[in-house]
C-alpha atoms as a PDB file:
ATOM      1  CA  UNK A   1       0.006  -0.001   0.003  1.00  0.00           C
ATOM      2  CA  UNK A   2       1.314   3.413  -0.971  1.00  0.00           C
ATOM      3  CA  UNK A   3       1.499   5.816   1.977  1.00  0.00           C
ATOM      4  CA  UNK A   4       0.078   9.269   1.303  1.00  0.00           C
ATOM      5  CA  UNK A   5       2.002  11.912   3.236  1.00  0.00           C
ATOM      6  CA  UNK A   6       0.287  15.273   3.731  1.00  0.00           C
ATOM      7  CA  UNK A   7       1.804  17.847   6.078  1.00  0.00           C
ATOM      8  CA  UNK A   8      -1.548  19.698   6.276  1.00  0.00           C
ATOM      9  CA  UNK A   9      -3.163  16.602   7.791  1.00  0.00           C
ATOM     10  CA  UNK A  10      -0.322  16.386  10.330  1.00  0.00           C
ATOM     11  CA  UNK A  11      -1.113  19.948  11.413  1.00  0.00           C
ATOM     12  CA  UNK A  12      -4.834  19.169  11.642  1.00  0.00           C
ATOM     13  CA  UNK A  13      -4.119  16.155  13.895  1.00  0.00           C
ATOM     14  CA  UNK A  14      -1.974  18.151  16.315  1.00  0.00           C
ATOM     15  CA  UNK A  15      -3.242  19.300  19.706  1.00  0.00           C
ATOM     16  CA  UNK A  16      -2.621  22.973  18.936  1.00  0.00           C
ATOM     17  CA  UNK A  17      -5.436  25.556  19.093  1.00  0.00           C
ATOM     18  CA  UNK A  18      -7.409  26.036  15.887  1.00  0.00           C
ATOM     19  CA  UNK A  19      -6.094  29.512  15.096  1.00  0.00           C
ATOM     20  CA  UNK A  20      -2.522  28.405  15.763  1.00  0.00           C
ATOM     21  CA  UNK A  21      -2.972  25.449  13.394  1.00  0.00           C
ATOM     22  CA  UNK A  22      -4.293  27.811  10.748  1.00  0.00           C
ATOM     23  CA  UNK A  23      -1.311  30.139  11.160  1.00  0.00           C
ATOM     24  CA  UNK A  24       1.158  27.223  11.091  1.00  0.00           C
ATOM     25  CA  UNK A  25      -0.383  25.922   7.887  1.00  0.00           C
ATOM     26  CA  UNK A  26      -0.143  29.359   6.296  1.00  0.00           C
ATOM     27  CA  UNK A  27       3.463  29.633   7.437  1.00  0.00           C
ATOM     28  CA  UNK A  28       4.438  26.236   6.027  1.00  0.00           C
ATOM     29  CA  UNK A  29       2.629  26.703   2.731  1.00  0.00           C
ATOM     30  CA  UNK A  30       5.146  27.582   0.027  1.00  0.00           C
ATOM     31  CA  UNK A  31       8.088  27.018   2.391  1.00  0.00           C
ATOM     32  CA  UNK A  32       7.840  23.389   3.478  1.00  0.00           C
ATOM     33  CA  UNK A  33       8.647  21.972   0.029  1.00  0.00           C
ATOM     34  CA  UNK A  34      12.245  23.234   0.066  1.00  0.00           C
ATOM     35  CA  UNK A  35      15.116  23.472   2.529  1.00  0.00           C
ATOM     36  CA  UNK A  36      17.220  26.609   2.412  1.00  0.00           C
ATOM     37  CA  UNK A  37      20.814  26.621   3.614  1.00  0.00           C
ATOM     38  CA  UNK A  38      21.464  30.270   4.503  1.00  0.00           C
ATOM     39  CA  UNK A  39      25.233  29.632   4.548  1.00  0.00           C
ATOM     40  CA  UNK A  40      25.508  28.213   1.030  1.00  0.00           C
ATOM     41  CA  UNK A  41      22.325  29.896  -0.252  1.00  0.00           C
ATOM     42  CA  UNK A  42      21.238  26.595  -1.789  1.00  0.00           C
ATOM     43  CA  UNK A  43      17.646  25.329  -1.915  1.00  0.00           C
ATOM     44  CA  UNK A  44      16.897  21.630  -1.939  1.00  0.00           C
ATOM     45  CA  UNK A  45      13.614  19.800  -2.469  1.00  0.00           C
ATOM     46  CA  UNK A  46      12.025  18.161   0.571  1.00  0.00           C
ATOM     47  CA  UNK A  47      10.150  14.870   0.127  1.00  0.00           C
ATOM     48  CA  UNK A  48       6.524  14.615   1.345  1.00  0.00           C
ATOM     49  CA  UNK A  49       7.610  12.256   4.132  1.00  0.00           C
ATOM     50  CA  UNK A  50      10.309  14.694   5.284  1.00  0.00           C
ATOM     51  CA  UNK A  51       7.776  17.528   5.138  1.00  0.00           C
ATOM     52  CA  UNK A  52       5.497  15.619   7.497  1.00  0.00           C
ATOM     53  CA  UNK A  53       8.441  14.742   9.751  1.00  0.00           C
ATOM     54  CA  UNK A  54       9.382  18.418   9.957  1.00  0.00           C
ATOM     55  CA  UNK A  55       5.867  19.571  10.766  1.00  0.00           C
ATOM     56  CA  UNK A  56       5.407  16.800  13.364  1.00  0.00           C
ATOM     57  CA  UNK A  57       8.626  17.895  15.081  1.00  0.00           C
ATOM     58  CA  UNK A  58       7.729  21.586  15.053  1.00  0.00           C
ATOM     59  CA  UNK A  59       4.130  20.987  16.150  1.00  0.00           C
ATOM     60  CA  UNK A  60       5.315  18.827  19.058  1.00  0.00           C
ATOM     61  CA  UNK A  61       7.590  21.647  20.186  1.00  0.00           C
ATOM     62  CA  UNK A  62       4.788  24.200  20.132  1.00  0.00           C
ATOM     63  CA  UNK A  63       2.524  21.748  21.978  1.00  0.00           C
ATOM     64  CA  UNK A  64       5.202  21.426  24.667  1.00  0.00           C
ATOM     65  CA  UNK A  65       5.304  25.203  25.022  1.00  0.00           C
ATOM     66  CA  UNK A  66       1.527  25.399  25.374  1.00  0.00           C
ATOM     67  CA  UNK A  67       1.530  22.663  28.002  1.00  0.00           C
ATOM     68  CA  UNK A  68       4.261  24.564  29.891  1.00  0.00           C
ATOM     69  CA  UNK A  69       2.090  27.668  30.145  1.00  0.00           C
ATOM     70  CA  UNK A  70       3.374  29.594  27.144  1.00  0.00           C
ATOM     71  CA  UNK A  71       0.153  30.302  25.293  1.00  0.00           C
ATOM     72  CA  UNK A  72       1.602  31.526  22.017  1.00  0.00           C
ATOM     73  CA  UNK A  73      -1.150  32.853  19.769  1.00  0.00           C
ATOM     74  CA  UNK A  74       0.898  32.383  16.605  1.00  0.00           C
ATOM     75  CA  UNK A  75       4.214  30.848  15.486  1.00  0.00           C
ATOM     76  CA  UNK A  76       5.388  34.413  14.913  1.00  0.00           C
ATOM     77  CA  UNK A  77       5.291  34.949  18.711  1.00  0.00           C
ATOM     78  CA  UNK A  78       8.193  32.506  19.154  1.00  0.00           C
ATOM     79  CA  UNK A  79      11.095  34.042  21.133  1.00  0.00           C
ATOM     80  CA  UNK A  80      14.508  33.093  22.450  1.00  0.00           C
ATOM     81  CA  UNK A  81      13.102  32.110  25.852  1.00  0.00           C
ATOM     82  CA  UNK A  82      10.790  29.618  24.134  1.00  0.00           C
ATOM     83  CA  UNK A  83      13.653  28.059  22.203  1.00  0.00           C
ATOM     84  CA  UNK A  84      15.756  27.850  25.372  1.00  0.00           C
ATOM     85  CA  UNK A  85      12.941  26.018  27.169  1.00  0.00           C
ATOM     86  CA  UNK A  86      12.754  23.517  24.306  1.00  0.00           C
ATOM     87  CA  UNK A  87      16.525  23.062  24.317  1.00  0.00           C
ATOM     88  CA  UNK A  88      16.405  22.353  28.058  1.00  0.00           C
ATOM     89  CA  UNK A  89      13.762  19.694  27.405  1.00  0.00           C
ATOM     90  CA  UNK A  90      15.773  18.171  24.568  1.00  0.00           C
ATOM     91  CA  UNK A  91      18.905  18.085  26.712  1.00  0.00           C
ATOM     92  CA  UNK A  92      17.075  15.723  29.088  1.00  0.00           C
ATOM     93  CA  UNK A  93      16.556  13.262  26.225  1.00  0.00           C
ATOM     94  CA  UNK A  94      19.113  10.704  25.142  1.00  0.00           C
ATOM     95  CA  UNK A  95      19.700  11.353  21.434  1.00  0.00           C
ATOM     96  CA  UNK A  96      22.334  10.200  18.982  1.00  0.00           C
ATOM     97  CA  UNK A  97      24.325  12.901  17.135  1.00  0.00           C
ATOM     98  CA  UNK A  98      22.232  12.174  14.029  1.00  0.00           C
ATOM     99  CA  UNK A  99      18.934  12.599  15.871  1.00  0.00           C
ATOM    100  CA  UNK A 100      20.151  15.829  17.424  1.00  0.00           C
ATOM    101  CA  UNK A 101      21.250  17.150  14.031  1.00  0.00           C
ATOM    102  CA  UNK A 102      17.894  16.216  12.492  1.00  0.00           C
ATOM    103  CA  UNK A 103      15.947  18.047  15.191  1.00  0.00           C
ATOM    104  CA  UNK A 104      18.235  21.049  14.867  1.00  0.00           C
ATOM    105  CA  UNK A 105      17.662  21.141  11.095  1.00  0.00           C
ATOM    106  CA  UNK A 106      13.879  21.097  11.470  1.00  0.00           C
ATOM    107  CA  UNK A 107      13.902  23.998  13.922  1.00  0.00           C
ATOM    108  CA  UNK A 108      16.511  25.890  11.942  1.00  0.00           C
ATOM    109  CA  UNK A 109      14.104  25.910   9.003  1.00  0.00           C
ATOM    110  CA  UNK A 110      11.236  26.989  11.270  1.00  0.00           C
ATOM    111  CA  UNK A 111      13.319  29.932  12.519  1.00  0.00           C
ATOM    112  CA  UNK A 112      14.016  30.940   8.935  1.00  0.00           C
ATOM    113  CA  UNK A 113      10.283  30.803   8.190  1.00  0.00           C
ATOM    114  CA  UNK A 114       9.467  33.210  11.025  1.00  0.00           C
ATOM    115  CA  UNK A 115      12.507  35.389  10.286  1.00  0.00           C
ATOM    116  CA  UNK A 116      14.258  34.686  13.591  1.00  0.00           C
ATOM    117  CA  UNK A 117      17.621  33.780  12.079  1.00  0.00           C
ATOM    118  CA  UNK A 118      19.432  35.270  15.093  1.00  0.00           C
ATOM    119  CA  UNK A 119      18.126  32.394  17.235  1.00  0.00           C
ATOM    120  CA  UNK A 120      19.958  29.826  15.108  1.00  0.00           C
ATOM    121  CA  UNK A 121      23.059  30.538  17.218  1.00  0.00           C
ATOM    122  CA  UNK A 122      21.259  28.892  20.176  1.00  0.00           C
ATOM    123  CA  UNK A 123      20.682  25.775  18.095  1.00  0.00           C
ATOM    124  CA  UNK A 124      24.289  25.736  16.921  1.00  0.00           C
ATOM    125  CA  UNK A 125      25.500  26.026  20.521  1.00  0.00           C
ATOM    126  CA  UNK A 126      23.280  23.103  21.526  1.00  0.00           C
ATOM    127  CA  UNK A 127      24.430  20.925  18.646  1.00  0.00           C
ATOM    128  CA  UNK A 128      28.081  21.558  19.536  1.00  0.00           C
ATOM    129  CA  UNK A 129      27.578  20.683  23.191  1.00  0.00           C
ATOM    130  CA  UNK A 130      29.836  17.908  24.383  1.00  0.00           C
ATOM    131  CA  UNK A 131      29.224  16.197  27.714  1.00  0.00           C
ATOM    132  CA  UNK A 132      31.842  17.300  30.255  1.00  0.00           C
ATOM    133  CA  UNK A 133      32.835  15.294  33.393  1.00  0.00           C
ATOM    134  CA  UNK A 134      30.809  17.743  35.493  1.00  0.00           C
ATOM    135  CA  UNK A 135      27.777  17.200  33.284  1.00  0.00           C
ATOM    136  CA  UNK A 136      28.284  13.434  33.596  1.00  0.00           C
ATOM    137  CA  UNK A 137      28.067  13.733  37.368  1.00  0.00           C
ATOM    138  CA  UNK A 138      24.862  15.785  37.148  1.00  0.00           C
ATOM    139  CA  UNK A 139      23.324  13.346  34.660  1.00  0.00           C
ATOM    140  CA  UNK A 140      23.703  10.508  37.184  1.00  0.00           C
ATOM    141  CA  UNK A 141      21.293  12.395  39.427  1.00  0.00           C
ATOM    142  CA  UNK A 142      18.981  13.412  36.605  1.00  0.00           C
ATOM    143  CA  UNK A 143      16.355  11.283  34.934  1.00  0.00           C
ATOM    144  CA  UNK A 144      17.266  11.085  31.262  1.00  0.00           C
ATOM    145  CA  UNK A 145      14.441   9.918  29.011  1.00  0.00           C
ATOM    146  CA  UNK A 146      14.802   8.197  25.683  1.00  0.00           C
ATOM    147  CA  UNK A 147      14.178  10.134  22.496  1.00  0.00           C
ATOM    148  CA  UNK A 148      11.180   9.102  20.428  1.00  0.00           C
ATOM    149  CA  UNK A 149      10.544  10.788  17.107  1.00  0.00           C
ATOM    150  CA  UNK A 150       7.074  12.336  16.857  1.00  0.00           C
ATOM    151  CA  UNK A 151       4.533  10.094  15.160  1.00  0.00           C
ATOM    152  CA  UNK A 152       3.304  11.085  11.702  1.00  0.00           C
ATOM    153  CA  UNK A 153      -0.475  10.789  11.178  1.00  0.00           C
ATOM    154  CA  UNK A 154      -1.133   9.156   7.806  1.00  0.00           C
ATOM    155  CA  UNK A 155      -4.101  10.121   5.653  1.00  0.00           C
ATOM    156  CA  UNK A 156      -5.609   6.748   4.747  1.00  0.00           C
ATOM    157  CA  UNK A 157      -8.325   5.807   2.291  1.00  0.00           C
ATOM    158  CA  UNK A 158     -10.443   4.448   5.144  1.00  0.00           C
ATOM    159  CA  UNK A 159     -10.243   7.756   6.996  1.00  0.00           C
ATOM    160  CA  UNK A 160     -11.133   9.717   3.861  1.00  0.00           C
ATOM    161  CA  UNK A 161     -14.184   7.532   3.186  1.00  0.00           C
ATOM    162  CA  UNK A 162     -15.289   7.833   6.818  1.00  0.00           C
ATOM    163  CA  UNK A 163     -15.155  11.629   6.737  1.00  0.00           C
ATOM    164  CA  UNK A 164     -16.720  11.791   3.263  1.00  0.00           C
ATOM    165  CA  UNK A 165     -19.674   9.790   4.547  1.00  0.00           C
ATOM    166  CA  UNK A 166     -19.980  12.028   7.625  1.00  0.00           C
ATOM    167  CA  UNK A 167     -19.940  15.082   5.368  1.00  0.00           C
ATOM    168  CA  UNK A 168     -22.600  13.609   3.045  1.00  0.00           C
ATOM    169  CA  UNK A 169     -20.180  13.303   0.164  1.00  0.00           C
ATOM    170  CA  UNK A 170     -18.994  16.921   0.095  1.00  0.00           C
ATOM    171  CA  UNK A 171     -15.374  16.952  -0.983  1.00  0.00           C
ATOM    172  CA  UNK A 172     -14.871  20.494   0.218  1.00  0.00           C
ATOM    173  CA  UNK A 173     -16.315  19.896   3.667  1.00  0.00           C
ATOM    174  CA  UNK A 174     -14.383  16.645   4.006  1.00  0.00           C
ATOM    175  CA  UNK A 175     -11.165  18.406   3.019  1.00  0.00           C
ATOM    176  CA  UNK A 176     -11.856  21.123   5.579  1.00  0.00           C
ATOM    177  CA  UNK A 177     -12.538  18.543   8.295  1.00  0.00           C
ATOM    178  CA  UNK A 178      -9.291  16.718   7.485  1.00  0.00           C
ATOM    179  CA  UNK A 179      -7.298  19.927   7.214  1.00  0.00           C
ATOM    180  CA  UNK A 180      -6.230  19.074   3.680  1.00  0.00           C
ATOM    181  CA  UNK A 181      -7.310  19.752   0.083  1.00  0.00           C
ATOM    182  CA  UNK A 182      -9.796  18.152  -2.289  1.00  0.00           C
ATOM    183  CA  UNK A 183      -6.846  17.249  -4.513  1.00  0.00           C
ATOM    184  CA  UNK A 184      -5.259  15.229  -1.696  1.00  0.00           C
ATOM    185  CA  UNK A 185      -8.534  13.435  -1.036  1.00  0.00           C
ATOM    186  CA  UNK A 186      -8.767  12.494  -4.715  1.00  0.00           C
ATOM    187  CA  UNK A 187      -5.176  11.255  -4.640  1.00  0.00           C
ATOM    188  CA  UNK A 188      -5.888   9.026  -1.633  1.00  0.00           C
ATOM    189  CA  UNK A 189      -9.104   7.608  -3.122  1.00  0.00           C
ATOM    190  CA  UNK A 190      -7.580   6.669  -6.468  1.00  0.00           C
ATOM    191  CA  UNK A 191      -4.235   5.415  -5.144  1.00  0.00           C
ATOM    192  CA  UNK A 192      -3.484   2.198  -7.037  1.00  0.00           C
ATOM    193  CA  UNK A 193      -7.080   1.776  -8.181  1.00  0.00           C
ATOM    194  CA  UNK A 194      -8.953   2.222 -11.422  1.00  0.00           C
ATOM    195  CA  UNK A 195     -11.750   4.876 -11.360  1.00  0.00           C
ATOM    196  CA  UNK A 196     -14.504   2.249 -11.258  1.00  0.00           C
ATOM    197  CA  UNK A 197     -13.062   0.599  -8.118  1.00  0.00           C
ATOM    198  CA  UNK A 198     -12.229   3.722  -6.129  1.00  0.00           C
ATOM    199  CA  UNK A 199     -15.254   3.317  -3.863  1.00  0.00           C
ATOM    200  CA  UNK A 200     -16.061   0.106  -1.977  1.00  0.00           C
ATOM    201  CA  UNK A 201     -19.320  -1.845  -2.383  1.00  0.00           C
ATOM    202  CA  UNK A 202     -22.203  -0.076  -0.654  1.00  0.00           C
ATOM    203  CA  UNK A 203     -21.219   3.431  -1.698  1.00  0.00           C
ATOM    204  CA  UNK A 204     -22.868   4.846  -4.800  1.00  0.00           C
ATOM    205  CA  UNK A 205     -22.210   8.187  -6.450  1.00  0.00           C
ATOM    206  CA  UNK A 206     -25.413   9.766  -7.658  1.00  0.00           C
ATOM    207  CA  UNK A 207     -25.626  11.895 -10.828  1.00  0.00           C
ATOM    208  CA  UNK A 208     -25.259  15.044  -8.715  1.00  0.00           C
ATOM    209  CA  UNK A 209     -21.470  14.697  -8.922  1.00  0.00           C
ATOM    210  CA  UNK A 210     -18.645  12.370  -9.757  1.00  0.00           C
ATOM    211  CA  UNK A 211     -15.126  11.912  -8.535  1.00  0.00           C
ATOM    212  CA  UNK A 212     -12.439  13.249 -10.873  1.00  0.00           C
ATOM    213  CA  UNK A 213     -10.675  10.598 -12.859  1.00  0.00           C
ATOM    214  CA  UNK A 214      -6.962  10.025 -12.484  1.00  0.00           C
ATOM    215  CA  UNK A 215      -4.972  13.102 -13.466  1.00  0.00           C
ATOM    216  CA  UNK A 216      -7.900  15.508 -13.243  1.00  0.00           C
ATOM    217  CA  UNK A 217      -8.580  16.964  -9.808  1.00  0.00           C
ATOM    218  CA  UNK A 218      -8.742  20.535 -11.056  1.00  0.00           C
ATOM    219  CA  UNK A 219     -12.492  20.379 -11.555  1.00  0.00           C
ATOM    220  CA  UNK A 220     -13.364  18.593  -8.323  1.00  0.00           C
ATOM    221  CA  UNK A 221     -17.075  19.190  -7.646  1.00  0.00           C
ATOM    222  CA  UNK A 222     -18.185  21.003  -4.534  1.00  0.00           C
ATOM    223  CA  UNK A 223     -20.432  18.090  -3.592  1.00  0.00           C
ATOM    224  CA  UNK A 224     -20.377  14.384  -4.314  1.00  0.00           C
ATOM    225  CA  UNK A 225     -23.614  12.731  -3.305  1.00  0.00           C
ATOM    226  CA  UNK A 226     -22.889   9.391  -1.671  1.00  0.00           C
ATOM    227  CA  UNK A 227     -25.521   6.846  -0.757  1.00  0.00           C
ATOM    228  CA  UNK A 228     -24.767   4.003   1.646  1.00  0.00           C
END
């Protein structure tokens, strides 16, 4: 089964407030597809899976801030004190150099998005940290937790059909409920299937609308009437 990665769905599944999710989606749109290295001034394409990984990491950080009492109204409200709190949390997690570098890269890109490049120095200082003998002694008295990468919610065909049925076949309302686009819903429904087998037995599309065939989601109808 082909996995459909959609960073918008990852944002929708996060525990962040609705307005914050909306602002994060607007911030990521147009920026998440590429990685910019401000030192070499080179842009590189980011795969859909890596996009979701990045958003999951960033969303988890903002969720941690909200749970710690920092009720940021928007990603643009992010400050140095917020990054330092996150770094303190990360320092209590046992991570390999590769995991630390990956996390640093995700947040480096986020800082570039919100134009807080000056905070990258904090990330660089954290990534260069080497455990000293004194730090070793303190770690023996400190509970160090294992690092677990944030889970990535996957937009499945079953989930799409469930929401489509709840929304009475409206592609637009289903897309809004899932935090994604009608194009993504069409992609999930037709993944590896011919048009005539995109819907399971028991679901019938009435003449009021039809699902776009493969390669044509531009003219997705506002409503698709589905009968169970």
